[in-house]
C-alpha cells in the first residue's frame, strides 16, 4: 500500500511541476520578447526623435517668421512714442 502511495505522490508532484512550468515559460517568453522589442524600439525611437526635431525646427522657424513683423511694428511704435514724449515733455520747475 505504501508503494502505491509513493508512486501517486510522485505523479502528483510531476503534475504540479508541469503546471508551474507553464507560467514560467510564458514569463520567460514575455521577457525575451521585451528584450527583442527594446532593440527594435531604439531604432524606431531614434527615427521618431529625428522627425520630431525636424518638425520642431520648422514650427520654430514659422513662428519666428509670423511674429517678427508684429514685434518690429510694436518696437517702432514704442520708439516713436518715446521720441514724441521727449520732445513734448515740459520741465517742471519748483517754485
Protein backbone atom coordinates (compact mmCIF):
# COMPACT_ATOMS: atom_id res chain seq x y z
CA UNK A 1 0.00 0.00 0.00
CA UNK A 2 2.86 2.38 0.76
CA UNK A 3 4.39 1.84 -2.66
CA UNK A 4 1.22 2.88 -4.49
CA UNK A 5 1.00 5.93 -2.29
CA UNK A 6 4.60 6.89 -3.13
CA UNK A 7 4.03 6.41 -6.87
CA UNK A 8 0.86 8.54 -6.72
CA UNK A 9 2.75 11.22 -4.81
CA UNK A 10 5.48 11.24 -7.48
CA UNK A 11 2.87 11.61 -10.24
CA UNK A 12 1.16 14.44 -8.34
CA UNK A 13 4.46 16.25 -7.84
CA UNK A 14 5.27 15.85 -11.56
CA UNK A 15 1.85 17.27 -12.43
CA UNK A 16 2.46 20.24 -10.10
CA UNK A 17 5.88 20.74 -11.71
CA UNK A 18 4.34 20.82 -15.21
CA UNK A 19 1.61 23.19 -14.08
CA UNK A 20 4.23 25.50 -12.53
CA UNK A 21 6.40 25.25 -15.64
CA UNK A 22 3.73 26.75 -17.94
CA UNK A 23 3.65 30.22 -16.27
CA UNK A 24 7.44 30.23 -16.08
CA UNK A 25 7.70 29.53 -19.82
CA UNK A 26 5.15 32.28 -20.54
CA UNK A 27 7.03 34.78 -18.35
CA UNK A 28 10.35 33.82 -19.95
CA UNK A 29 8.81 34.28 -23.41
CA UNK A 30 7.49 37.71 -22.44
CA UNK A 31 10.87 38.73 -21.05
CA UNK A 32 12.59 37.60 -24.25
CA UNK A 33 10.01 39.48 -26.32
CA UNK A 34 10.59 42.66 -24.33
CA UNK A 35 14.34 42.23 -24.75
CA UNK A 36 13.98 41.90 -28.52
CA UNK A 37 11.47 44.74 -28.67
CA UNK A 38 13.79 47.20 -26.92
CA UNK A 39 16.36 46.67 -29.66
CA UNK A 40 13.78 47.45 -32.35
CA UNK A 41 12.30 50.29 -30.33
CA UNK A 42 15.67 52.06 -30.14
CA UNK A 43 15.91 52.19 -33.93
CA UNK A 44 12.38 53.47 -34.41
CA UNK A 45 12.53 55.86 -31.47
CA UNK A 46 15.71 57.36 -32.91
CA UNK A 47 13.90 57.90 -36.23
CA UNK A 48 10.89 59.35 -34.45
CA UNK A 49 13.12 61.71 -32.49
CA UNK A 50 14.76 62.88 -35.71
CA UNK A 51 11.40 63.61 -37.32
CA UNK A 52 10.02 65.38 -34.27
CA UNK A 53 13.15 67.53 -34.06
CA UNK A 54 12.73 68.40 -37.74
CA UNK A 55 9.08 69.30 -37.17
CA UNK A 56 10.05 71.40 -34.14
CA UNK A 57 12.61 73.29 -36.22
CA UNK A 58 10.00 74.03 -38.91
CA UNK A 59 7.48 75.23 -36.33
CA UNK A 60 10.09 77.40 -34.63
CA UNK A 61 11.12 78.97 -37.94
CA UNK A 62 7.49 79.58 -38.93
CA UNK A 63 6.60 81.13 -35.57
CA UNK A 64 9.57 83.48 -35.76
CA UNK A 65 8.58 84.47 -39.31
CA UNK A 66 4.98 85.13 -38.25
CA UNK A 67 5.84 87.05 -35.08
CA UNK A 68 8.69 89.16 -36.48
CA UNK A 69 6.51 91.81 -38.23
CA UNK A 70 4.40 92.32 -35.11
CA UNK A 71 7.45 92.69 -32.90
CA UNK A 72 9.04 95.12 -35.36
CA UNK A 73 5.84 97.19 -35.61
CA UNK A 74 5.46 97.29 -31.83
CA UNK A 75 9.05 98.39 -31.30
CA UNK A 76 8.71 101.09 -33.98
CA UNK A 77 5.56 102.44 -32.32
CA UNK A 78 7.31 102.46 -28.94
CA UNK A 79 10.31 104.31 -30.39
CA UNK A 80 8.12 106.96 -31.98
CA UNK A 81 6.12 107.31 -28.76
CA UNK A 82 9.29 107.75 -26.71
CA UNK A 83 10.66 110.38 -29.12
CA UNK A 84 7.39 112.32 -29.11
CA UNK A 85 7.21 112.21 -25.31
CA UNK A 86 10.76 113.52 -25.01
CA UNK A 87 10.12 116.34 -27.46
CA UNK A 88 6.82 117.44 -25.92
CA UNK A 89 7.74 116.99 -22.27
CA UNK A 90 7.86 120.14 -20.19
CA UNK A 91 10.28 120.61 -17.46
CA UNK A 92 8.55 121.19 -14.18
CA UNK A 93 10.16 123.87 -12.17
CA UNK A 94 9.84 124.12 -8.48
CA UNK A 95 8.85 127.41 -7.01
